[in-house]
N, C-alpha and C. Protein backbone atom coordinates (compact mmCIF):
# COMPACT_ATOMS: atom_id res chain seq x y z
N UNK A 1 -105.32 -61.01 -114.62
CA UNK A 1 -106.84 -61.51 -114.58
C UNK A 1 -108.01 -61.08 -115.34
N UNK A 2 -107.79 -59.95 -116.09
CA UNK A 2 -108.95 -59.41 -116.80
C UNK A 2 -108.66 -60.13 -118.10
N UNK A 3 -107.72 -60.44 -118.94
CA UNK A 3 -107.46 -61.11 -119.94
C UNK A 3 -107.98 -62.18 -119.49
N UNK A 4 -107.51 -62.79 -118.80
CA UNK A 4 -107.82 -64.64 -118.65
C UNK A 4 -109.73 -64.41 -118.55
N UNK A 5 -110.30 -63.61 -117.48
CA UNK A 5 -111.70 -63.45 -117.59
C UNK A 5 -112.11 -63.24 -118.74
N UNK A 6 -111.92 -62.21 -119.60
CA UNK A 6 -112.67 -62.24 -120.75
C UNK A 6 -112.29 -63.17 -121.89
N UNK A 7 -110.92 -63.99 -121.92
CA UNK A 7 -110.78 -64.99 -122.66
C UNK A 7 -111.52 -65.98 -122.46
N UNK A 8 -111.88 -66.41 -121.49
CA UNK A 8 -112.57 -67.64 -120.89
C UNK A 8 -114.07 -67.57 -121.46
N UNK A 9 -114.43 -66.25 -121.53
CA UNK A 9 -115.89 -66.28 -121.95
C UNK A 9 -115.94 -65.83 -123.26
N UNK A 10 -114.97 -66.07 -124.20
CA UNK A 10 -115.18 -65.99 -125.56
C UNK A 10 -114.80 -64.81 -126.10
N UNK A 11 -114.19 -63.76 -125.62
CA UNK A 11 -114.00 -62.49 -126.00
C UNK A 11 -112.56 -62.46 -126.87
N UNK A 12 -112.67 -61.74 -127.87
CA UNK A 12 -111.36 -61.31 -128.61
C UNK A 12 -110.51 -60.09 -127.99
N UNK A 13 -109.42 -60.36 -127.50
CA UNK A 13 -108.58 -58.96 -127.36
C UNK A 13 -108.19 -58.44 -128.81
N UNK A 14 -108.25 -57.38 -128.97
CA UNK A 14 -107.86 -56.54 -130.15
C UNK A 14 -107.03 -55.22 -129.74
N UNK A 15 -106.16 -54.76 -130.96
CA UNK A 15 -105.80 -53.63 -130.65
C UNK A 15 -106.10 -52.50 -131.91
N UNK A 16 -106.46 -51.45 -131.44
CA UNK A 16 -107.07 -50.56 -132.50
C UNK A 16 -106.14 -49.29 -132.35
N UNK A 17 -105.96 -48.55 -133.32
CA UNK A 17 -105.24 -47.37 -133.63
C UNK A 17 -104.99 -46.43 -132.62
N UNK A 18 -103.88 -45.84 -132.31
CA UNK A 18 -103.74 -44.62 -131.24
C UNK A 18 -103.72 -43.57 -132.30
N UNK A 19 -103.22 -43.52 -133.24
CA UNK A 19 -103.07 -42.34 -134.02
C UNK A 19 -104.17 -42.43 -135.03
N UNK A 20 -105.05 -41.01 -134.90
CA UNK A 20 -106.03 -41.08 -136.13
C UNK A 20 -106.16 -39.81 -136.84
N UNK A 21 -106.74 -39.77 -137.80
CA UNK A 21 -106.76 -38.30 -138.65
C UNK A 21 -108.06 -37.78 -138.19
N UNK A 22 -109.20 -38.18 -137.19
CA UNK A 22 -109.79 -37.14 -137.02
C UNK A 22 -109.93 -37.45 -135.20
N UNK A 23 -110.29 -36.69 -134.79
CA UNK A 23 -110.50 -37.01 -133.31
C UNK A 23 -112.06 -37.47 -133.03
N UNK A 24 -112.10 -38.48 -132.24
CA UNK A 24 -113.33 -39.01 -132.25
C UNK A 24 -113.57 -40.28 -130.75
N UNK A 25 -114.78 -40.47 -130.71
CA UNK A 25 -114.90 -41.51 -129.72
C UNK A 25 -115.36 -41.01 -128.24
N UNK A 26 -115.07 -39.95 -128.01
CA UNK A 26 -115.65 -39.33 -126.59
C UNK A 26 -115.47 -37.99 -126.87
N UNK A 27 -116.47 -37.34 -125.72
CA UNK A 27 -116.24 -36.02 -125.82
C UNK A 27 -115.21 -35.38 -125.01
N UNK A 28 -114.03 -35.19 -125.52
CA UNK A 28 -112.71 -34.65 -124.86
C UNK A 28 -111.82 -34.12 -125.86
N UNK A 29 -111.07 -33.04 -125.41
CA UNK A 29 -110.00 -32.65 -126.23
C UNK A 29 -108.67 -33.57 -126.37
N UNK A 30 -108.49 -33.85 -127.65
CA UNK A 30 -107.38 -34.65 -128.02
C UNK A 30 -105.92 -34.07 -128.22
N UNK A 31 -105.20 -34.68 -128.23
CA UNK A 31 -103.67 -34.16 -128.38
C UNK A 31 -103.50 -34.40 -129.94
N UNK A 32 -102.69 -33.42 -130.00
CA UNK A 32 -102.54 -33.33 -131.67
C UNK A 32 -100.93 -33.67 -131.83
N UNK A 33 -100.82 -34.32 -132.86
CA UNK A 33 -99.41 -34.52 -133.40
C UNK A 33 -99.33 -34.37 -135.07
N UNK A 34 -98.31 -34.66 -135.25
CA UNK A 34 -98.17 -34.79 -137.07
C UNK A 34 -97.12 -36.22 -137.19
N UNK A 35 -97.74 -36.65 -138.32
CA UNK A 35 -97.22 -37.38 -139.20
C UNK A 35 -96.27 -37.24 -140.12
N UNK A 36 -95.19 -37.25 -139.89
CA UNK A 36 -93.81 -36.46 -140.79
C UNK A 36 -94.00 -36.96 -142.29
N UNK A 37 -93.95 -38.85 -142.25
CA UNK A 37 -93.70 -39.22 -143.46
C UNK A 37 -94.90 -38.90 -144.74
N UNK A 38 -96.07 -39.08 -143.59
CA UNK A 38 -97.22 -38.64 -144.49
C UNK A 38 -97.92 -37.18 -144.58
N UNK A 39 -97.13 -36.28 -143.95
CA UNK A 39 -97.20 -34.84 -143.68
C UNK A 39 -99.00 -34.75 -143.35
N UNK A 40 -99.44 -35.71 -142.38
CA UNK A 40 -100.53 -35.25 -141.91
C UNK A 40 -100.86 -35.11 -140.78
N UNK A 41 -101.55 -33.97 -139.96
CA UNK A 41 -101.70 -33.66 -138.73
C UNK A 41 -102.67 -34.84 -138.18
N UNK A 42 -102.48 -35.65 -136.91
CA UNK A 42 -103.04 -36.56 -136.57
C UNK A 42 -103.31 -36.28 -134.76
N UNK A 43 -104.51 -37.05 -134.50
CA UNK A 43 -104.69 -36.86 -133.11
C UNK A 43 -104.83 -38.34 -132.24
N UNK A 44 -104.20 -38.34 -130.92
CA UNK A 44 -103.86 -39.46 -130.20
C UNK A 44 -105.29 -39.62 -129.87
N UNK A 45 -105.43 -40.82 -129.65
CA UNK A 45 -107.01 -41.56 -129.22
C UNK A 45 -107.75 -41.08 -128.16
N UNK A 46 -108.82 -40.77 -128.15
CA UNK A 46 -109.42 -40.43 -126.75
C UNK A 46 -110.34 -41.46 -125.91
N UNK A 47 -110.38 -42.66 -127.12
CA UNK A 47 -111.56 -43.53 -126.80
C UNK A 47 -111.17 -44.50 -127.89
N UNK A 48 -111.29 -46.08 -127.50
CA UNK A 48 -111.34 -47.11 -128.58
C UNK A 48 -112.58 -47.28 -129.15
N UNK A 49 -113.70 -46.69 -128.58
CA UNK A 49 -115.00 -47.17 -128.74
C UNK A 49 -115.26 -47.18 -130.51
N UNK A 50 -114.86 -46.19 -131.14
CA UNK A 50 -115.57 -46.41 -132.38
C UNK A 50 -114.97 -47.76 -133.16
N UNK A 51 -113.84 -47.85 -133.11
CA UNK A 51 -113.08 -49.10 -133.64
C UNK A 51 -113.65 -50.15 -133.05
N UNK A 52 -113.99 -50.57 -131.99
CA UNK A 52 -114.45 -51.57 -131.26
C UNK A 52 -116.04 -51.98 -131.67
N UNK A 53 -116.63 -50.69 -131.92
CA UNK A 53 -118.02 -50.98 -132.53
C UNK A 53 -117.98 -51.40 -133.92
N UNK A 54 -116.91 -50.90 -134.60
CA UNK A 54 -116.74 -51.55 -136.21
C UNK A 54 -116.45 -52.87 -136.20
N UNK A 55 -115.56 -53.02 -135.14
CA UNK A 55 -115.54 -54.75 -135.21
C UNK A 55 -116.74 -55.58 -134.87
N UNK A 56 -117.60 -55.12 -133.92
CA UNK A 56 -118.88 -55.75 -133.54
C UNK A 56 -119.60 -55.88 -134.70
N UNK A 57 -119.58 -54.65 -135.36
CA UNK A 57 -120.69 -54.42 -136.74
C UNK A 57 -120.25 -55.31 -137.75
N UNK A 58 -118.66 -55.61 -137.87
CA UNK A 58 -118.17 -56.51 -138.88
C UNK A 58 -118.34 -57.99 -138.48
N UNK A 59 -118.68 -58.28 -137.40
CA UNK A 59 -118.95 -59.88 -137.22
C UNK A 59 -118.30 -60.52 -136.03
N UNK A 60 -117.31 -59.72 -135.49
CA UNK A 60 -116.81 -60.34 -134.38
C UNK A 60 -117.55 -59.89 -132.82
N UNK A 61 -118.45 -60.85 -132.64
CA UNK A 61 -119.72 -60.46 -131.65
C UNK A 61 -118.83 -60.14 -130.09
N UNK A 62 -117.84 -60.54 -129.60
CA UNK A 62 -117.26 -60.47 -128.21
C UNK A 62 -115.87 -59.83 -128.68
N UNK A 63 -115.69 -58.30 -128.17
CA UNK A 63 -114.06 -57.71 -128.36
C UNK A 63 -113.88 -56.88 -126.94
N UNK A 64 -112.47 -56.98 -126.79
CA UNK A 64 -112.16 -56.07 -125.68
C UNK A 64 -110.62 -55.58 -126.18
N UNK A 65 -110.59 -54.59 -125.36
CA UNK A 65 -109.16 -54.09 -125.53
C UNK A 65 -108.46 -53.19 -124.18
N UNK A 66 -107.35 -53.74 -123.72
CA UNK A 66 -106.80 -52.74 -122.80
C UNK A 66 -105.62 -51.94 -123.71
N UNK A 67 -106.04 -50.55 -123.55
CA UNK A 67 -105.13 -50.14 -124.03
C UNK A 67 -104.99 -48.33 -123.41
N UNK A 68 -104.17 -47.58 -123.86
CA UNK A 68 -103.89 -46.09 -123.44
C UNK A 68 -104.84 -45.21 -124.30
N UNK A 69 -105.33 -44.57 -123.44
CA UNK A 69 -106.04 -43.19 -123.91
C UNK A 69 -105.37 -41.92 -123.54
N UNK A 70 -105.51 -40.97 -124.49
CA UNK A 70 -104.83 -39.68 -124.20
C UNK A 70 -105.68 -38.44 -123.99
N UNK A 71 -105.96 -37.70 -122.89
CA UNK A 71 -106.92 -36.44 -123.35
C UNK A 71 -106.18 -35.54 -122.61
N UNK A 72 -106.18 -34.49 -123.98
CA UNK A 72 -105.75 -33.02 -123.29
C UNK A 72 -106.23 -32.23 -122.55
N UNK A 73 -106.53 -32.62 -121.38
CA UNK A 73 -107.48 -31.92 -120.03
C UNK A 73 -106.71 -31.71 -118.97
N UNK A 74 -107.44 -31.34 -117.80
CA UNK A 74 -106.70 -31.01 -116.74
C UNK A 74 -106.09 -32.02 -116.02
N UNK A 75 -105.29 -31.75 -115.18
CA UNK A 75 -104.16 -32.76 -114.39
C UNK A 75 -104.51 -32.52 -113.10
N UNK A 76 -104.25 -33.66 -112.32
CA UNK A 76 -104.49 -33.32 -110.71
C UNK A 76 -104.07 -34.75 -109.96
N UNK A 77 -103.99 -34.65 -108.72
CA UNK A 77 -103.99 -35.95 -108.03
C UNK A 77 -104.90 -37.11 -108.46
N UNK A 78 -105.98 -36.79 -109.07
CA UNK A 78 -106.82 -38.13 -109.56
C UNK A 78 -106.98 -38.16 -110.97
N UNK A 79 -106.33 -37.09 -111.65
CA UNK A 79 -106.73 -37.35 -113.07
C UNK A 79 -105.30 -37.05 -113.68
N UNK A 80 -104.98 -37.95 -114.75
CA UNK A 80 -103.79 -37.93 -115.34
C UNK A 80 -104.12 -37.72 -117.05
N UNK A 81 -103.91 -37.22 -117.85
CA UNK A 81 -104.08 -36.88 -119.39
C UNK A 81 -103.88 -38.19 -119.99
N UNK A 82 -102.67 -39.19 -119.45
CA UNK A 82 -102.89 -40.31 -120.28
C UNK A 82 -103.00 -41.52 -119.31
N UNK A 83 -103.79 -42.58 -119.70
CA UNK A 83 -104.31 -43.78 -118.70
C UNK A 83 -104.53 -44.78 -119.40
N UNK A 84 -104.82 -46.15 -119.05
CA UNK A 84 -105.19 -47.13 -119.74
C UNK A 84 -106.24 -47.65 -118.97
N UNK A 85 -107.20 -47.95 -120.14
CA UNK A 85 -108.67 -48.57 -119.85
C UNK A 85 -108.87 -49.83 -120.27
N UNK A 86 -109.86 -50.59 -119.92
CA UNK A 86 -110.27 -51.53 -120.63
C UNK A 86 -111.93 -51.29 -120.97
N UNK A 87 -112.08 -51.42 -122.35
CA UNK A 87 -113.42 -51.60 -122.84
C UNK A 87 -113.70 -52.89 -123.59
N UNK A 88 -114.79 -53.01 -123.45
CA UNK A 88 -115.63 -54.41 -123.99
C UNK A 88 -116.61 -54.10 -124.76
N UNK A 89 -117.00 -54.96 -125.71
CA UNK A 89 -118.21 -55.03 -126.28
C UNK A 89 -118.79 -56.14 -126.75
N UNK A 90 -120.12 -56.72 -126.48
CA UNK A 90 -120.71 -57.73 -126.46
C UNK A 90 -122.08 -57.80 -127.13
N UNK A 91 -121.99 -58.20 -128.82
CA UNK A 91 -123.28 -58.11 -129.62
C UNK A 91 -124.43 -58.74 -128.90
N UNK A 92 -125.43 -58.44 -129.18
CA UNK A 92 -126.59 -59.01 -128.84
C UNK A 92 -127.04 -59.28 -127.38
N UNK A 93 -126.19 -58.30 -126.42
CA UNK A 93 -126.66 -58.42 -125.12
C UNK A 93 -127.29 -56.89 -124.79
N UNK A 94 -127.80 -56.73 -123.57
CA UNK A 94 -128.69 -55.50 -123.13
C UNK A 94 -127.60 -54.98 -122.04
N UNK A 95 -128.16 -54.05 -121.28
CA UNK A 95 -127.56 -53.47 -120.36
C UNK A 95 -127.53 -54.25 -119.04
N UNK A 96 -128.63 -55.17 -118.84
CA UNK A 96 -128.73 -55.88 -117.52
C UNK A 96 -127.32 -56.99 -117.77
N UNK A 97 -127.01 -57.74 -119.00
CA UNK A 97 -126.20 -58.50 -119.42
C UNK A 97 -125.03 -57.88 -118.98
N UNK A 98 -124.61 -56.63 -119.29
CA UNK A 98 -123.31 -55.87 -119.33
C UNK A 98 -122.98 -55.59 -117.82
N UNK A 99 -124.30 -55.30 -117.15
CA UNK A 99 -124.20 -54.96 -115.71
C UNK A 99 -123.55 -56.35 -114.93
N UNK A 100 -124.22 -57.36 -115.21
CA UNK A 100 -123.96 -58.43 -114.90
C UNK A 100 -122.48 -59.06 -115.08
N UNK A 101 -122.20 -58.82 -116.08
CA UNK A 101 -120.71 -59.48 -116.23
C UNK A 101 -119.68 -58.42 -115.97
N UNK A 102 -120.05 -57.15 -115.81
CA UNK A 102 -119.13 -56.28 -115.00
C UNK A 102 -118.92 -56.57 -113.58
N UNK A 103 -120.05 -57.06 -113.11
CA UNK A 103 -120.10 -57.20 -111.74
C UNK A 103 -119.45 -58.38 -111.44
N UNK A 104 -119.48 -59.40 -112.16
CA UNK A 104 -118.38 -60.18 -112.13
C UNK A 104 -117.09 -60.33 -112.39
N UNK A 105 -116.66 -59.41 -113.12
CA UNK A 105 -115.26 -58.86 -113.31
C UNK A 105 -114.74 -58.23 -112.01
N UNK A 106 -115.49 -57.18 -111.64
CA UNK A 106 -115.10 -56.20 -110.69
C UNK A 106 -114.87 -57.33 -108.94
N UNK A 107 -115.99 -57.94 -108.83
CA UNK A 107 -116.02 -58.89 -107.41
C UNK A 107 -114.94 -59.97 -107.93
N UNK A 108 -115.07 -60.47 -108.56
CA UNK A 108 -113.86 -61.72 -108.93
C UNK A 108 -112.62 -61.19 -108.89
N UNK A 109 -112.21 -59.99 -109.03
CA UNK A 109 -110.89 -59.49 -109.59
C UNK A 109 -110.70 -58.93 -108.06
N UNK A 110 -111.55 -58.36 -107.18
CA UNK A 110 -111.24 -57.99 -106.10
C UNK A 110 -110.82 -59.00 -105.17
N UNK A 111 -111.63 -60.09 -105.19
CA UNK A 111 -111.40 -61.55 -104.70
C UNK A 111 -110.08 -62.18 -104.67
N UNK A 112 -109.73 -61.94 -106.20
CA UNK A 112 -108.45 -62.84 -106.30
C UNK A 112 -107.30 -61.82 -106.13
N UNK A 113 -107.46 -60.40 -105.90
CA UNK A 113 -106.25 -59.87 -105.63
C UNK A 113 -106.07 -59.89 -104.05
N UNK A 114 -107.51 -59.68 -103.31
CA UNK A 114 -107.45 -59.46 -101.81
C UNK A 114 -107.69 -60.84 -100.81
N UNK A 115 -108.01 -61.75 -101.41
CA UNK A 115 -108.93 -62.95 -100.89
C UNK A 115 -109.88 -62.49 -100.10
N UNK A 116 -110.59 -61.63 -100.15
CA UNK A 116 -111.87 -61.39 -99.92
C UNK A 116 -112.54 -59.88 -100.64
N UNK A 117 -113.90 -60.06 -100.28
CA UNK A 117 -114.65 -59.01 -101.34
C UNK A 117 -114.31 -57.37 -100.67
N UNK A 118 -114.07 -57.41 -99.46
CA UNK A 118 -114.07 -56.34 -98.83
C UNK A 118 -112.47 -55.61 -98.61
N UNK A 119 -112.55 -54.30 -99.07
CA UNK A 119 -111.62 -53.69 -98.88
C UNK A 119 -111.66 -52.21 -98.22
N UNK A 120 -110.40 -52.04 -97.77
CA UNK A 120 -110.50 -50.71 -96.90
C UNK A 120 -109.60 -49.85 -97.50
N UNK A 121 -110.54 -48.45 -97.88
CA UNK A 121 -109.98 -47.40 -98.31
C UNK A 121 -109.90 -46.22 -97.67
N UNK A 122 -108.74 -45.58 -97.65
CA UNK A 122 -108.39 -44.49 -96.64
C UNK A 122 -108.56 -43.35 -97.26
N UNK A 123 -110.01 -42.89 -97.09
CA UNK A 123 -110.43 -41.51 -98.00
C UNK A 123 -109.57 -40.10 -97.42
N UNK A 124 -108.80 -40.42 -96.45
CA UNK A 124 -107.92 -39.20 -95.91
C UNK A 124 -106.38 -39.31 -96.30
N UNK A 125 -106.25 -40.73 -97.01
CA UNK A 125 -104.74 -40.82 -97.41
C UNK A 125 -104.01 -41.21 -96.02
N UNK A 126 -102.69 -41.14 -96.12
CA UNK A 126 -101.88 -41.76 -95.25
C UNK A 126 -101.17 -40.67 -94.34
N UNK A 127 -100.80 -40.78 -93.28
CA UNK A 127 -100.17 -39.80 -92.54
C UNK A 127 -98.75 -40.22 -92.62
N UNK A 128 -97.67 -39.36 -92.17
CA UNK A 128 -96.14 -39.53 -92.46
C UNK A 128 -95.73 -40.89 -91.60
N UNK A 129 -96.39 -41.54 -91.04
CA UNK A 129 -96.27 -42.85 -90.47
C UNK A 129 -96.80 -43.63 -91.12
N UNK A 130 -97.51 -43.63 -91.96
CA UNK A 130 -98.09 -44.93 -92.91
C UNK A 130 -99.31 -45.13 -92.17
N UNK A 131 -99.92 -44.45 -91.25
CA UNK A 131 -101.31 -44.71 -90.81
C UNK A 131 -102.44 -44.35 -91.89
N UNK A 132 -103.29 -45.35 -92.10
CA UNK A 132 -104.67 -44.72 -92.81
C UNK A 132 -105.60 -43.59 -92.05
N UNK A 133 -105.84 -42.71 -92.68
CA UNK A 133 -106.77 -41.43 -92.26
C UNK A 133 -108.15 -41.78 -92.78
N UNK A 134 -109.24 -41.84 -91.93
CA UNK A 134 -110.67 -42.01 -92.33
C UNK A 134 -110.79 -43.26 -93.10
N UNK A 135 -110.40 -44.43 -92.84
CA UNK A 135 -110.85 -45.42 -93.33
C UNK A 135 -112.58 -46.10 -93.72
N UNK A 136 -112.74 -46.49 -94.41
CA UNK A 136 -114.01 -47.07 -95.29
C UNK A 136 -113.98 -48.21 -96.04
N UNK A 137 -114.77 -48.89 -95.33
CA UNK A 137 -114.87 -50.19 -95.88
C UNK A 137 -115.70 -50.34 -96.96
N UNK A 138 -115.28 -50.95 -98.23
CA UNK A 138 -115.92 -50.97 -99.43
C UNK A 138 -116.03 -52.70 -99.42
N UNK A 139 -117.44 -52.81 -99.80
CA UNK A 139 -117.88 -54.27 -99.90
C UNK A 139 -117.95 -54.35 -101.24
N UNK A 140 -117.22 -55.54 -101.77
CA UNK A 140 -117.61 -55.97 -103.46
C UNK A 140 -118.43 -57.07 -103.65
N UNK A 141 -118.86 -57.47 -102.34
CA UNK A 141 -119.67 -58.66 -102.49
C UNK A 141 -120.84 -58.46 -103.58
N UNK A 142 -120.71 -59.96 -104.29
CA UNK A 142 -122.28 -59.76 -105.17
C UNK A 142 -123.33 -60.37 -104.76
N UNK A 143 -124.47 -60.10 -104.99
CA UNK A 143 -124.97 -59.06 -106.30
C UNK A 143 -124.75 -57.54 -105.59
N UNK A 144 -124.11 -56.70 -106.76
CA UNK A 144 -124.35 -55.39 -106.58
C UNK A 144 -125.58 -54.60 -106.17
N UNK A 145 -125.82 -53.80 -105.40
CA UNK A 145 -127.28 -52.93 -105.47
C UNK A 145 -127.55 -52.31 -106.94
N UNK A 146 -128.63 -52.61 -107.56
CA UNK A 146 -128.89 -51.93 -108.79
C UNK A 146 -129.73 -50.63 -108.11
N UNK A 147 -129.50 -49.48 -108.91
CA UNK A 147 -130.27 -48.30 -108.81
C UNK A 147 -131.05 -48.08 -109.98
N UNK A 148 -132.25 -47.55 -110.55
CA UNK A 148 -132.90 -47.25 -111.62
C UNK A 148 -132.45 -45.76 -111.95
N UNK A 149 -132.23 -46.01 -113.27
CA UNK A 149 -131.35 -44.48 -113.78
C UNK A 149 -132.10 -43.39 -113.48
N UNK A 150 -133.06 -42.95 -113.59
CA UNK A 150 -134.25 -42.14 -113.18
C UNK A 150 -134.13 -41.73 -111.58
N UNK A 151 -134.49 -42.74 -111.00
CA UNK A 151 -134.73 -42.49 -109.55
C UNK A 151 -133.18 -42.02 -109.11
N UNK A 152 -132.09 -42.59 -109.60
CA UNK A 152 -130.57 -42.52 -109.27
C UNK A 152 -130.12 -41.01 -109.38
N UNK A 153 -131.04 -40.30 -110.34
CA UNK A 153 -130.40 -38.69 -110.88
C UNK A 153 -131.48 -37.93 -109.97
C-alpha cells in the first residue's frame, strides 16, 4: 500500500546507504562496525534523512525510502534497536501540505487494511484466553484534528 500510495503521487523510491563513515541524521547512539577490506570504522545508520535531503537538493523533488534503521539504545516491549521506517521528502511543500499527505496515507491505509476508519486497540493487551483488555476505539477518519504547536505544548 505505502509504495503504491507514493508512486501514484510521483514520488521516487530510493535506497540510501546503511553503512556510513560518520554517524548522523538523528540524535541517537549508533551501532559501530568495521569494514575489513577498507579497514575503516563504520556506523550503521540511525536515519536516512541526510541522504534523502541531498537527493532533493540535487533535483529529485519527491523521494521516499522504506528501510531499516539501527539505534544502539534501550530495548523493551515497545522499543527495538532495529526497525523499519518510511521517510519521504517533497520539495516546495510546507508543513500544511505534509500534514495533508500524511493524513491521506494513514487514513487510506487503515481503511484498506480494516475496511473501516475505526480500529479497536486493547491498551491492556490480551488475557490468556485471547480476550482484549481495556479496548479503546481509535478513529482515523479524515480530517484529523489539527493542534497548533505552541498550544499543544
